[in-house]
Protein backbone atom coordinates (compact mmCIF):
# COMPACT_ATOMS: atom_id res chain seq x y z
CA MET A 1 3.31 -17.90 0.76
CA GLY A 2 5.99 -20.47 1.37
CA ASN A 3 7.42 -21.34 -2.58
CA LEU A 4 10.86 -20.33 -2.31
CA ARG A 5 12.64 -19.92 -5.54
CA ILE A 6 15.38 -18.38 -6.31
CA LEU A 7 16.80 -17.86 -10.65
CA THR A 8 20.16 -17.25 -11.91
CA ALA A 9 21.34 -15.89 -15.30
CA GLY A 10 24.53 -14.52 -16.77
CA GLU A 11 27.83 -16.29 -17.99
CA SER A 12 30.70 -15.17 -16.32
CA HIS A 13 32.59 -12.39 -19.47
CA GLY A 14 29.40 -10.91 -19.80
CA LYS A 15 28.19 -8.01 -18.73
CA GLY A 16 26.58 -9.35 -15.16
CA LEU A 17 25.39 -11.95 -13.18
CA ILE A 18 21.16 -11.50 -12.84
CA GLY A 19 19.40 -13.09 -10.12
CA ILE A 20 15.73 -13.10 -8.65
CA ILE A 21 14.39 -14.94 -5.47
CA ASP A 22 10.83 -14.80 -4.91
CA GLY A 23 9.26 -15.61 -1.91
CA ILE A 24 11.39 -13.71 0.07
CA PRO A 25 8.21 -12.52 2.83
CA ALA A 26 7.45 -8.28 3.34
CA GLY A 27 8.93 -6.32 6.29
CA LEU A 28 12.54 -8.12 5.87
CA ARG A 29 15.09 -5.67 6.31
CA ILE A 30 17.74 -5.63 4.32
CA ASP A 31 21.45 -5.21 4.60
CA ARG A 32 23.42 -4.49 1.65
CA GLU A 33 27.49 -4.27 3.41
CA LYS A 34 26.21 -7.94 4.78
CA ILE A 35 26.13 -8.88 1.23
CA ASP A 36 29.13 -7.49 -0.47
CA TYR A 37 30.94 -8.92 2.90
CA GLN A 38 29.87 -12.64 1.29
CA LEU A 39 31.04 -11.48 -2.38
CA LYS A 40 34.35 -10.37 -0.67
CA ARG A 41 34.48 -13.86 1.35
CA ARG A 42 33.66 -15.45 -1.59
CA GLN A 43 37.13 -13.85 -3.70
CA LYS A 44 39.59 -14.45 -1.06
CA GLY A 45 41.39 -17.30 -0.70
CA TYR A 46 45.55 -19.15 -1.76
CA GLY A 47 45.56 -20.89 -4.78
CA ARG A 48 42.54 -18.30 -6.98
CA GLY A 49 43.52 -17.03 -10.03
CA GLY A 50 43.75 -13.32 -12.24
CA ARG A 51 39.93 -13.13 -12.81
CA MET A 52 40.21 -11.76 -8.30
CA LYS A 53 41.76 -9.37 -9.71
CA ILE A 54 39.53 -7.97 -11.80
CA GLU A 55 36.52 -8.98 -10.32
CA LYS A 56 35.14 -6.27 -7.49
CA ASP A 57 31.92 -7.96 -6.53
CA ARG A 58 29.50 -5.25 -5.37
CA VAL A 59 25.45 -6.00 -5.53
CA GLU A 60 23.11 -4.02 -7.02
CA ILE A 61 18.71 -3.89 -6.15
CA LEU A 62 16.90 -3.82 -8.82
CA SER A 63 13.33 -4.46 -7.20
CA GLY A 64 11.50 -5.52 -4.28
CA LEU A 65 12.73 -3.53 -1.77
CA ARG A 66 11.97 0.04 -1.35
CA SER A 67 13.64 1.92 1.73
CA GLY A 68 15.75 -1.03 2.57
CA LEU A 69 12.54 -3.34 2.88
CA THR A 70 11.55 -6.36 0.94
CA THR A 71 7.94 -5.40 -0.57
CA GLY A 72 7.10 -8.71 -1.17
CA SER A 73 7.95 -9.35 -4.51
CA PRO A 74 10.28 -10.50 -6.07
CA ILE A 75 13.65 -9.39 -5.59
CA ALA A 76 15.95 -8.56 -8.93
CA ILE A 77 19.60 -8.39 -8.14
CA PHE A 78 22.94 -7.29 -10.16
CA ILE A 79 26.78 -8.37 -10.57
CA GLU A 80 28.36 -5.59 -12.96
CA ASN A 81 31.27 -7.83 -14.35
CA LYS A 82 34.61 -5.75 -14.86
CA ASP A 83 35.50 -7.78 -16.87
CA TRP A 84 32.89 -7.34 -19.80
CA ALA A 85 34.80 -4.69 -21.07
CA ASN A 86 37.27 -6.96 -22.91
CA TRP A 87 34.71 -9.31 -24.31
CA GLN A 88 32.35 -7.04 -25.76
CA GLU A 89 33.70 -8.00 -28.78
CA ILE A 90 33.38 -11.96 -28.05
CA MET A 91 29.99 -12.04 -26.12
CA GLY A 92 27.82 -9.46 -27.47
CA VAL A 93 24.75 -10.45 -27.63
CA TRP A 94 23.35 -9.05 -31.33
CA LYS A 95 26.61 -9.32 -33.35
CA SER A 96 30.08 -10.95 -31.81
CA ARG A 97 33.03 -12.25 -33.15
CA THR A 98 32.74 -15.66 -34.66
CA ASP A 99 36.57 -15.79 -35.54
CA LEU A 100 37.47 -17.40 -32.89
CA PRO A 101 35.59 -20.07 -31.41
CA VAL A 102 35.97 -23.11 -29.16
CA LYS A 103 36.19 -26.17 -31.04
CA ILE A 104 39.25 -28.27 -28.02
CA PRO A 105 36.87 -29.66 -24.95
CA ARG A 106 38.78 -29.40 -21.70
CA PRO A 107 38.30 -33.23 -19.51
CA GLY A 108 36.34 -33.13 -16.55
CA HIS A 109 34.12 -30.07 -17.90
CA ALA A 110 31.30 -29.51 -19.13
CA ASP A 111 32.58 -28.66 -22.74
CA LEU A 112 31.99 -31.76 -24.79
CA ALA A 113 28.91 -33.05 -23.12
CA GLY A 114 27.41 -29.57 -23.50
CA ALA A 115 28.33 -29.03 -26.24
CA PHE A 116 26.21 -32.11 -27.57
CA LYS A 117 23.39 -31.85 -25.55
CA TYR A 118 23.04 -28.33 -27.53
CA ASN A 119 24.59 -29.05 -30.90
CA HIS A 120 27.08 -26.37 -29.76
CA HIS A 121 30.05 -25.93 -32.80
CA ASP A 122 31.79 -23.06 -30.48
CA LEU A 123 32.61 -24.23 -27.59
CA ARG A 124 32.20 -20.99 -25.62
CA ASN A 125 28.64 -20.91 -25.33
CA VAL A 126 28.74 -23.58 -22.74
CA LEU A 127 31.58 -22.17 -20.49
CA GLU A 128 30.53 -19.39 -20.18
CA ARG A 129 27.54 -20.22 -18.03
CA ALA A 130 29.20 -23.73 -17.07
CA SER A 131 31.58 -21.41 -15.53
CA ALA A 132 31.88 -20.88 -11.31
CA ARG A 133 31.68 -17.56 -11.77
CA GLU A 134 28.38 -18.27 -11.96
CA THR A 135 28.18 -18.56 -7.77
CA ALA A 136 28.68 -15.15 -7.20
CA MET A 137 25.33 -14.90 -7.91
CA ARG A 138 24.09 -17.80 -5.11
CA VAL A 139 26.11 -16.89 -3.12
CA ALA A 140 24.49 -12.51 -3.20
CA ALA A 141 20.72 -15.02 -3.29
CA GLY A 142 22.58 -17.03 0.01
CA SER A 143 23.03 -13.76 1.89
CA VAL A 144 20.32 -12.45 1.23
CA ILE A 145 17.30 -15.70 3.27
CA ARG A 146 20.54 -15.76 5.24
CA GLN A 147 19.65 -12.69 6.93
CA LEU A 148 16.16 -13.97 6.53
CA LEU A 149 17.37 -17.39 8.70
CA GLU A 150 19.32 -14.95 11.34
CA ILE A 151 16.36 -13.27 13.01
CA PHE A 152 15.66 -16.47 13.96
CA GLY A 153 18.76 -17.23 15.02
CA ILE A 154 19.95 -20.05 12.63
CA TRP A 155 23.62 -19.01 11.92
CA ILE A 156 25.24 -21.01 9.41
CA GLY A 157 29.28 -21.94 9.00
CA SER A 158 32.14 -23.51 7.11
CA HIS A 159 36.25 -24.82 6.83
CA VAL A 160 38.41 -26.16 4.55
CA ILE A 161 39.31 -29.54 6.03
CA GLY A 162 41.19 -30.66 3.21
CA ILE A 163 43.74 -29.89 -0.05
CA HIS A 164 45.24 -32.67 -1.60
CA GLU A 165 46.57 -35.05 0.74
CA ALA A 166 47.07 -31.87 3.83
CA GLN A 167 43.98 -33.31 5.84
CA THR A 168 43.35 -31.60 9.52
CA ASP A 169 41.20 -34.64 12.23
CA LYS A 170 40.21 -31.00 13.63
CA THR A 171 36.99 -30.84 11.79
CA PHE A 172 32.92 -30.33 12.92
CA ARG A 173 32.72 -34.67 11.78
CA LYS A 174 35.03 -35.15 15.00
CA LEU A 175 33.12 -32.16 16.90
CA CYS A 176 29.29 -34.56 16.94
CA GLN A 177 30.65 -37.50 19.42
CA GLU A 178 30.45 -34.58 21.75
CA SER A 179 26.83 -32.85 23.27
CA THR A 180 25.14 -30.24 21.66
CA GLU A 181 25.89 -27.54 24.01
CA LYS A 182 30.11 -28.30 23.31
CA ILE A 183 29.58 -28.72 19.09
CA ILE A 184 28.09 -26.05 18.93
CA GLU A 185 31.21 -23.74 21.57
CA ASN A 186 33.83 -25.66 19.19
CA ILE A 187 31.76 -25.48 15.53
CA LYS A 188 32.00 -21.77 16.05
CA GLU A 189 35.43 -21.40 17.29
CA LYS A 190 36.42 -23.37 14.35
CA HIS A 191 34.35 -21.03 12.08
CA ARG A 192 36.29 -18.18 13.58
CA ALA A 193 39.60 -19.54 12.67
CA ALA A 194 39.25 -20.38 9.60
CA GLU A 195 37.89 -16.67 8.80
CA ALA A 196 41.30 -15.01 9.58
CA SER A 197 43.05 -18.17 7.13
CA GLU A 198 44.31 -17.45 3.47
CA LEU A 199 42.74 -20.93 2.97
CA ARG A 200 39.70 -20.98 5.55
CA CYS A 201 41.15 -23.48 6.94
CA SER A 202 41.32 -24.30 10.71
CA ASP A 203 44.43 -26.22 11.80
CA PRO A 204 47.44 -24.39 10.62
CA GLU A 205 49.96 -26.71 11.07
CA VAL A 206 47.24 -28.09 8.28
CA GLU A 207 47.01 -24.99 6.69
CA GLU A 208 51.07 -24.80 5.61
CA LYS A 209 50.89 -28.49 4.33
CA MET A 210 48.21 -28.00 1.86
CA LYS A 211 49.80 -24.62 0.56
CA LYS A 212 52.71 -26.51 -0.30
CA LYS A 213 50.16 -28.67 -1.95
CA ILE A 214 49.06 -25.88 -4.19
CA LEU A 215 52.46 -25.06 -4.90
CA GLN A 216 53.74 -27.35 -5.81
CA ALA A 217 50.39 -27.63 -8.51
CA GLU A 218 50.38 -23.98 -9.84
CA LYS A 219 54.61 -25.32 -10.52
CA GLU A 220 53.37 -28.38 -12.39
CA GLY A 221 51.15 -26.60 -14.16
CA ASP A 222 48.64 -28.80 -12.40
CA SER A 223 45.41 -27.99 -10.05
CA VAL A 224 43.96 -29.74 -6.50
CA GLY A 225 40.76 -30.02 -5.14
CA GLY A 226 39.70 -30.69 -1.38
CA MET A 227 36.84 -30.87 1.33
CA PHE A 228 35.04 -28.58 3.59
CA GLU A 229 32.47 -29.02 5.67
CA LEU A 230 29.45 -27.04 6.76
CA ALA A 231 27.59 -26.58 9.86
CA ALA A 232 24.03 -24.52 10.73
CA LEU A 233 23.25 -24.39 14.29
CA ASN A 234 20.42 -23.23 15.76
CA VAL A 235 17.95 -25.14 13.33
CA PRO A 236 14.41 -25.76 14.61
CA ILE A 237 12.65 -29.33 14.57
CA GLY A 238 10.82 -30.24 11.90
CA LEU A 239 12.36 -28.71 8.36
CA GLY A 240 11.07 -31.24 5.44
CA THR A 241 9.78 -34.49 5.27
CA TYR A 242 9.65 -38.12 4.92
CA THR A 243 6.56 -38.06 3.29
CA PHE A 244 7.52 -36.79 0.19
CA TRP A 245 11.44 -37.69 -1.19
CA ASP A 246 11.59 -34.56 -2.72
CA LYS A 247 11.30 -32.80 -0.18
CA ARG A 248 13.36 -35.03 2.51
CA LEU A 249 15.82 -31.78 4.15
CA ASP A 250 19.29 -34.03 4.07
CA ALA A 251 18.45 -34.58 -0.25
CA ILE A 252 17.15 -30.72 -0.72
CA ILE A 253 20.69 -30.19 0.87
CA SER A 254 22.82 -33.07 -0.65
CA GLY A 255 21.71 -31.53 -4.27
CA ASP A 256 21.78 -27.88 -2.99
CA VAL A 257 25.54 -28.54 -2.20
CA MET A 258 25.68 -31.45 -5.18
CA SER A 259 25.48 -28.48 -7.81
CA ILE A 260 28.40 -25.96 -6.90
CA PRO A 261 30.53 -26.84 -9.82
CA GLY A 262 33.19 -29.32 -9.22
CA ILE A 263 31.44 -30.66 -5.86
CA LYS A 264 31.75 -34.85 -6.57
CA ALA A 265 30.58 -35.89 -3.07
CA VAL A 266 28.32 -34.99 0.38
CA GLU A 267 27.94 -36.47 3.22
CA ILE A 268 25.34 -35.37 5.66
CA GLY A 269 26.51 -36.15 9.38
CA PHE A 270 28.43 -39.15 9.38
CA GLY A 271 27.98 -39.57 5.88
CA VAL A 272 30.16 -42.81 4.36
CA GLU A 273 31.85 -43.25 7.78
CA SER A 274 28.73 -44.15 9.05
CA SER A 275 28.09 -47.71 6.67
CA HIS A 276 31.48 -48.82 8.86
CA HIS A 277 30.20 -49.12 12.23
CA PHE A 278 27.20 -51.57 14.24
CA GLY A 279 24.01 -49.69 14.53
CA SER A 280 24.34 -49.47 18.10
CA GLU A 281 27.92 -47.40 17.62
CA ILE A 282 27.11 -44.97 15.02
CA HIS A 283 22.68 -44.16 16.33
CA ASP A 284 22.29 -41.24 18.61
CA PRO A 285 20.68 -41.62 21.91
CA ILE A 286 17.73 -39.82 23.39
CA LEU A 287 18.01 -39.16 26.63
CA PRO A 288 15.39 -37.03 28.81
CA GLY A 289 15.96 -32.84 28.37
CA LYS A 290 16.37 -30.21 31.08
CA SER A 291 12.43 -29.30 28.67
CA ALA A 292 9.84 -31.16 27.15
CA ILE A 293 12.54 -31.77 24.18
CA PRO A 294 14.95 -35.25 24.92
CA GLN A 295 17.88 -34.49 24.21
CA ARG A 296 21.05 -35.83 22.80
CA SER A 297 25.07 -37.06 23.85
CA SER A 298 25.78 -37.11 20.29
CA ASN A 299 24.41 -35.85 16.99
CA ARG A 300 26.48 -38.55 14.15
CA ALA A 301 23.50 -37.93 12.20
CA GLY A 302 23.83 -34.53 11.71
CA GLY A 303 21.27 -32.96 12.98
CA ILE A 304 18.40 -35.15 10.37
CA GLU A 305 16.64 -38.09 10.91
CA GLY A 306 14.19 -39.61 8.50
CA GLY A 307 14.61 -36.09 6.20
CA ILE A 308 13.48 -34.00 9.15
CA SER A 309 15.91 -31.39 11.40
CA ASN A 310 15.86 -32.28 14.26
CA GLY A 311 16.89 -29.28 16.18
CA GLU A 312 20.88 -30.95 16.32
CA PRO A 313 23.10 -28.79 14.32
CA ILE A 314 23.33 -29.83 10.41
CA ILE A 315 26.68 -31.38 9.45
CA VAL A 316 27.43 -31.33 5.90
CA ARG A 317 31.42 -31.77 4.07
CA ALA A 318 31.60 -31.55 1.09
CA ALA A 319 34.55 -32.79 -1.23
CA MET A 320 35.68 -30.59 -4.36
CA LYS A 321 37.94 -31.96 -7.95
CA PRO A 322 40.19 -30.11 -9.06
CA ILE A 323 39.78 -27.45 -12.02
CA PRO A 324 39.69 -28.73 -14.95
CA THR A 325 41.67 -26.34 -16.51
CA LEU A 326 45.45 -27.29 -16.55
CA LYS A 327 47.93 -24.65 -17.91
CA LYS A 328 49.74 -28.40 -18.79
CA PRO A 329 46.50 -30.03 -20.19
CA LEU A 330 45.35 -33.65 -20.65
CA PRO A 331 44.71 -34.70 -24.50
CA SER A 332 41.60 -34.70 -26.41
CA VAL A 333 40.30 -33.91 -29.82
CA ASN A 334 39.62 -30.79 -31.74
CA LEU A 335 35.62 -30.77 -32.62
CA GLU A 336 36.26 -29.71 -36.08
CA THR A 337 38.72 -31.93 -37.54
CA GLY A 338 38.87 -34.88 -35.44
CA GLU A 339 42.52 -34.67 -34.71
CA PRO A 340 44.11 -35.13 -30.89
CA VAL A 341 45.46 -31.86 -29.36
CA HIS A 342 45.94 -30.75 -25.87
CA ALA A 343 42.75 -29.29 -24.70
CA HIS A 344 41.50 -25.84 -24.49
CA LYS A 345 42.89 -23.41 -21.36
CA GLU A 346 41.26 -20.63 -20.06
CA ARG A 347 42.49 -18.48 -17.34
CA SER A 348 41.58 -20.39 -13.79
CA ASP A 349 42.78 -21.02 -10.25
CA VAL A 350 44.88 -23.42 -8.85
CA CYS A 351 42.56 -24.56 -6.02
CA ALA A 352 38.84 -23.44 -5.27
CA VAL A 353 38.34 -25.02 -2.72
CA PRO A 354 37.98 -22.41 0.03
CA ALA A 355 36.05 -20.52 -2.17
CA ALA A 356 33.33 -23.30 -2.80
CA SER A 357 33.19 -23.82 1.37
CA VAL A 358 31.65 -19.76 0.95
CA VAL A 359 29.44 -20.40 -1.69
CA GLY A 360 28.60 -23.80 0.54
CA GLU A 361 27.34 -21.33 3.44
CA ALA A 362 24.84 -19.64 0.11
CA MET A 363 24.28 -22.81 -0.84
CA LEU A 364 23.18 -24.60 2.60
CA ALA A 365 21.28 -21.14 3.51
CA ILE A 366 19.22 -21.23 0.22
CA SER A 367 18.29 -25.59 1.20
CA LEU A 368 17.28 -24.52 4.84
CA GLY A 369 15.18 -21.43 3.33
CA LYS A 370 13.23 -23.35 1.38
CA ALA A 371 13.00 -26.48 3.92
CA PHE A 372 11.83 -23.08 6.64
CA CYS A 373 9.55 -20.46 3.92
CA GLU A 374 7.76 -24.27 3.82
CA LYS A 375 7.39 -24.74 7.20
CA PHE A 376 6.68 -21.48 8.63
CA GLY A 377 5.50 -19.83 5.43
CA GLY A 378 4.29 -15.98 5.55
CA ASP A 379 3.27 -12.79 2.93
CA SER A 380 4.93 -10.69 6.00
CA LEU A 381 7.87 -11.39 8.05
CA GLU A 382 5.18 -10.71 11.62
CA GLN A 383 2.90 -14.14 9.81
CA MET A 384 6.25 -16.08 9.48
CA GLN A 385 7.45 -14.96 13.03
CA ARG A 386 3.71 -15.47 14.41
CA HIS A 387 3.66 -19.17 13.00
CA TYR A 388 6.99 -19.37 13.68
CA ASP A 389 6.02 -18.54 17.75
CA GLY A 390 3.39 -20.66 17.97
CA ASP A 391 5.32 -23.53 16.83
CA LYS A 392 8.14 -23.63 19.32
CA SER A 393 5.63 -22.71 21.92
CA ALA A 394 3.22 -26.05 21.02
CA ILE A 395 6.93 -28.62 20.74
CA SER A 396 7.84 -26.96 23.96
CA GLY A 397 4.59 -27.52 25.77
């Protein structure tokens, strides 16, 4: 076994969210509290809307576990939507109200393109699934995979580095010009500081500027986006490959993180900044190491070279656009009459960048989990551990 697959289903105001994880080896002990903890982290954040006051996400495992241990069977997960009680008439599976159709698309949302793609005449069929509410299940699935990666020492964290024009220069990327030992400790320190912040920002001075931007947007009926960074530490050498483009680790990570609603750009390591330098300035020198594995004096590549993890910390940066739903909506068109109108309004956040960073951690865990299971795959955790230990011994020897 080495093929890790994740499926999700469910609508924003439906009965709940469903997830299926296939490919987790048997014998892994799952901690339910760890999953609920990650779900709680996703719901926090300065600038969140009223929905977070309704939902208190808790995970329910329906299959794939016995006595807390994975059996090797698919793991089925369910998260209840508390708001379903208020939407049963509109979102009923067998019978629902048809007298309240949504006909006005929001600029920047999936509404218009989705309506034409699936021939929907009620945009609710689009917006319910395209909603970022779906990411709650990704966080739950990512937490399960994260618990597998933790067995092998892999650590994942994040922090917010910008909201609108308020940007901090105290970034993971800046740390990548240092040695690996300093990078690891400083990344963990920034993550800890972010956990204590309403905006998940490790820079208190810049955080206050971020809050002012969010308050400004709220007063003006607007929304704001921003940027966050992800880091994965202790990732073994050899995840991903250069032999097929769709199996390159940077391609997998970029695609998975880009799939988060609202994300418009993803960078690995120095990313776009790499194009502003000479090769001699941007590539990481290879030096003799204390063991058979050479060392690096920097990590501008972000832990991936040729589509393969190189043993250095993996650094990812993502940019999120402002949320499309505005209290003072932009111009749009009524699809039924063709008349110019203002865009449809749904309950939404003013800023969801802190939540997106937590979802980003989940997606990075999923990306690494897929590559990890492909390289070290086993039907049981013990078998996977043997494969991992054998590879580690071969590299270090």
